[in-house]
Amino acid sequence: MPSNLAIDSDLLETALIVGGLKTKKETVNQSLKEFIQRRKSAEILSLFGTIDYGKDYDYKAARDRK
């Protein structure tokens, strides 16, 4: 899917340097992957403390290494 995007050249050049990648395409693709990963991680973190466990659930039992 070819597209013609207006990307800030200063940001792209900085990302190329910081990321250590060779091409603009690699840099944009890596940036998008990291963006998606960060957003998904934030979604998961927002769930902490929202799960109700059964009263008989023993969370320490899973730690037992027999």
N, C-alpha and C. Protein backbone atom coordinates (compact mmCIF):
# COMPACT_ATOMS: atom_id res chain seq x y z
N MET A 1 0.84 -1.16 0.00
CA MET A 1 0.00 0.00 0.00
C MET A 1 0.90 1.24 0.00
N PRO A 2 1.27 1.73 -1.15
CA PRO A 2 2.09 2.94 -1.23
C PRO A 2 1.30 4.15 -0.73
N SER A 3 2.00 5.03 -0.06
CA SER A 3 1.35 6.26 0.41
C SER A 3 2.37 7.39 0.38
N ASN A 4 1.85 8.56 0.36
CA ASN A 4 2.68 9.76 0.35
C ASN A 4 2.39 10.52 1.64
N LEU A 5 3.21 10.30 2.65
CA LEU A 5 2.99 10.92 3.95
C LEU A 5 3.90 12.12 4.14
N ALA A 6 3.38 13.12 4.79
CA ALA A 6 4.18 14.29 5.14
C ALA A 6 4.75 14.06 6.53
N ILE A 7 5.96 13.53 6.59
CA ILE A 7 6.62 13.22 7.87
C ILE A 7 7.65 14.29 8.17
N ASP A 8 7.66 14.74 9.41
CA ASP A 8 8.61 15.75 9.85
C ASP A 8 10.03 15.23 9.63
N SER A 9 10.79 15.86 8.76
CA SER A 9 12.12 15.38 8.41
C SER A 9 13.10 15.41 9.58
N ASP A 10 12.96 16.41 10.46
CA ASP A 10 13.85 16.46 11.64
C ASP A 10 13.59 15.28 12.57
N LEU A 11 12.32 14.96 12.77
CA LEU A 11 11.99 13.81 13.63
C LEU A 11 12.49 12.52 13.01
N LEU A 12 12.33 12.39 11.72
CA LEU A 12 12.77 11.17 11.04
C LEU A 12 14.28 11.02 11.10
N GLU A 13 15.00 12.09 10.90
CA GLU A 13 16.47 12.03 10.96
C GLU A 13 16.94 11.69 12.37
N THR A 14 16.29 12.28 13.37
CA THR A 14 16.64 11.97 14.76
C THR A 14 16.36 10.51 15.07
N ALA A 15 15.21 10.01 14.60
CA ALA A 15 14.85 8.61 14.81
C ALA A 15 15.84 7.68 14.13
N LEU A 16 16.31 8.06 12.95
CA LEU A 16 17.31 7.25 12.25
C LEU A 16 18.59 7.13 13.08
N ILE A 17 19.02 8.24 13.64
CA ILE A 17 20.25 8.26 14.44
C ILE A 17 20.06 7.48 15.74
N VAL A 18 18.98 7.79 16.45
CA VAL A 18 18.74 7.15 17.75
C VAL A 18 18.50 5.65 17.58
N GLY A 19 17.75 5.28 16.55
CA GLY A 19 17.43 3.88 16.34
C GLY A 19 18.56 3.07 15.74
N GLY A 20 19.49 3.75 15.11
CA GLY A 20 20.61 3.04 14.50
C GLY A 20 20.21 2.21 13.29
N LEU A 21 19.10 2.56 12.68
CA LEU A 21 18.64 1.82 11.51
C LEU A 21 19.19 2.46 10.24
N LYS A 22 19.14 1.69 9.14
CA LYS A 22 19.78 2.15 7.92
C LYS A 22 18.85 2.94 6.99
N THR A 23 17.58 2.63 7.01
CA THR A 23 16.68 3.28 6.06
C THR A 23 15.52 3.97 6.78
N LYS A 24 14.91 4.88 6.07
CA LYS A 24 13.74 5.58 6.60
C LYS A 24 12.58 4.60 6.78
N LYS A 25 12.45 3.68 5.85
CA LYS A 25 11.38 2.68 5.93
C LYS A 25 11.53 1.83 7.18
N GLU A 26 12.74 1.35 7.45
CA GLU A 26 12.98 0.55 8.66
C GLU A 26 12.66 1.37 9.91
N THR A 27 13.04 2.63 9.88
CA THR A 27 12.82 3.51 11.03
C THR A 27 11.34 3.72 11.29
N VAL A 28 10.58 3.99 10.24
CA VAL A 28 9.14 4.21 10.39
C VAL A 28 8.46 2.92 10.85
N ASN A 29 8.83 1.79 10.27
CA ASN A 29 8.21 0.52 10.67
C ASN A 29 8.53 0.18 12.12
N GLN A 30 9.78 0.37 12.53
CA GLN A 30 10.16 0.11 13.92
C GLN A 30 9.43 1.05 14.87
N SER A 31 9.31 2.30 14.49
CA SER A 31 8.61 3.28 15.31
C SER A 31 7.15 2.89 15.49
N LEU A 32 6.52 2.44 14.42
CA LEU A 32 5.12 2.02 14.51
C LEU A 32 4.98 0.79 15.40
N LYS A 33 5.89 -0.17 15.29
CA LYS A 33 5.85 -1.35 16.15
C LYS A 33 5.97 -0.97 17.62
N GLU A 34 6.91 -0.06 17.91
CA GLU A 34 7.11 0.36 19.30
C GLU A 34 5.91 1.15 19.82
N PHE A 35 5.31 1.96 18.96
CA PHE A 35 4.11 2.72 19.33
C PHE A 35 2.98 1.76 19.70
N ILE A 36 2.76 0.76 18.87
CA ILE A 36 1.69 -0.22 19.12
C ILE A 36 1.97 -0.99 20.40
N GLN A 37 3.21 -1.43 20.58
CA GLN A 37 3.58 -2.18 21.78
C GLN A 37 3.35 -1.35 23.04
N ARG A 38 3.72 -0.09 22.99
CA ARG A 38 3.55 0.79 24.15
C ARG A 38 2.08 0.98 24.49
N ARG A 39 1.25 1.17 23.48
CA ARG A 39 -0.19 1.34 23.71
C ARG A 39 -0.82 0.08 24.26
N LYS A 40 -0.43 -1.08 23.73
CA LYS A 40 -0.97 -2.34 24.25
C LYS A 40 -0.52 -2.58 25.68
N SER A 41 0.71 -2.23 26.00
CA SER A 41 1.21 -2.37 27.37
C SER A 41 0.42 -1.48 28.32
N ALA A 42 0.11 -0.28 27.88
CA ALA A 42 -0.67 0.64 28.72
C ALA A 42 -2.06 0.09 28.97
N GLU A 43 -2.64 -0.57 27.98
CA GLU A 43 -3.96 -1.19 28.16
C GLU A 43 -3.88 -2.28 29.23
N ILE A 44 -2.85 -3.10 29.15
CA ILE A 44 -2.69 -4.19 30.11
C ILE A 44 -2.47 -3.64 31.50
N LEU A 45 -1.63 -2.62 31.62
CA LEU A 45 -1.36 -2.03 32.93
C LEU A 45 -2.61 -1.44 33.56
N SER A 46 -3.51 -0.93 32.73
CA SER A 46 -4.74 -0.34 33.26
C SER A 46 -5.64 -1.39 33.91
N LEU A 47 -5.41 -2.67 33.62
CA LEU A 47 -6.23 -3.74 34.18
C LEU A 47 -5.78 -4.16 35.58
N PHE A 48 -4.56 -3.79 35.98
CA PHE A 48 -4.07 -4.19 37.29
C PHE A 48 -4.98 -3.64 38.39
N GLY A 49 -5.33 -4.54 39.29
CA GLY A 49 -6.19 -4.15 40.40
C GLY A 49 -7.66 -4.23 40.08
N THR A 50 -8.01 -4.64 38.87
CA THR A 50 -9.43 -4.68 38.50
C THR A 50 -9.98 -6.10 38.48
N ILE A 51 -9.13 -7.10 38.71
CA ILE A 51 -9.58 -8.49 38.65
C ILE A 51 -9.89 -8.96 40.07
N ASP A 52 -11.09 -9.51 40.24
CA ASP A 52 -11.49 -10.06 41.53
C ASP A 52 -11.25 -11.56 41.52
N TYR A 53 -10.45 -12.02 42.44
CA TYR A 53 -10.16 -13.45 42.55
C TYR A 53 -11.12 -14.09 43.53
N GLY A 54 -11.35 -15.38 43.34
CA GLY A 54 -12.18 -16.14 44.28
C GLY A 54 -11.52 -16.18 45.64
N LYS A 55 -12.33 -16.26 46.68
CA LYS A 55 -11.79 -16.25 48.04
C LYS A 55 -10.92 -17.46 48.32
N ASP A 56 -11.15 -18.57 47.61
CA ASP A 56 -10.37 -19.78 47.84
C ASP A 56 -9.15 -19.86 46.92
N TYR A 57 -8.89 -18.85 46.13
CA TYR A 57 -7.75 -18.84 45.22
C TYR A 57 -6.46 -18.61 46.01
N ASP A 58 -5.49 -19.49 45.80
CA ASP A 58 -4.21 -19.39 46.49
C ASP A 58 -3.14 -19.00 45.47
N TYR A 59 -2.83 -17.72 45.40
CA TYR A 59 -1.86 -17.25 44.43
C TYR A 59 -0.43 -17.75 44.70
N LYS A 60 -0.17 -18.12 45.91
CA LYS A 60 1.16 -18.63 46.25
C LYS A 60 1.37 -20.07 45.80
N ALA A 61 0.29 -20.79 45.56
CA ALA A 61 0.40 -22.19 45.15
C ALA A 61 1.11 -22.32 43.80
N ALA A 62 0.91 -21.37 42.91
CA ALA A 62 1.55 -21.42 41.60
C ALA A 62 3.05 -21.20 41.71
N ARG A 63 3.51 -20.64 42.79
CA ARG A 63 4.94 -20.39 42.99
C ARG A 63 5.68 -21.62 43.50
N ASP A 64 4.94 -22.58 43.99
CA ASP A 64 5.54 -23.78 44.58
C ASP A 64 6.27 -24.57 43.52
N ARG A 65 7.58 -24.71 43.68
CA ARG A 65 8.41 -25.47 42.74
C ARG A 65 8.79 -26.79 43.39
N LYS A 66 8.07 -27.79 43.08
CA LYS A 66 8.31 -29.11 43.70
C LYS A 66 9.37 -29.86 42.99
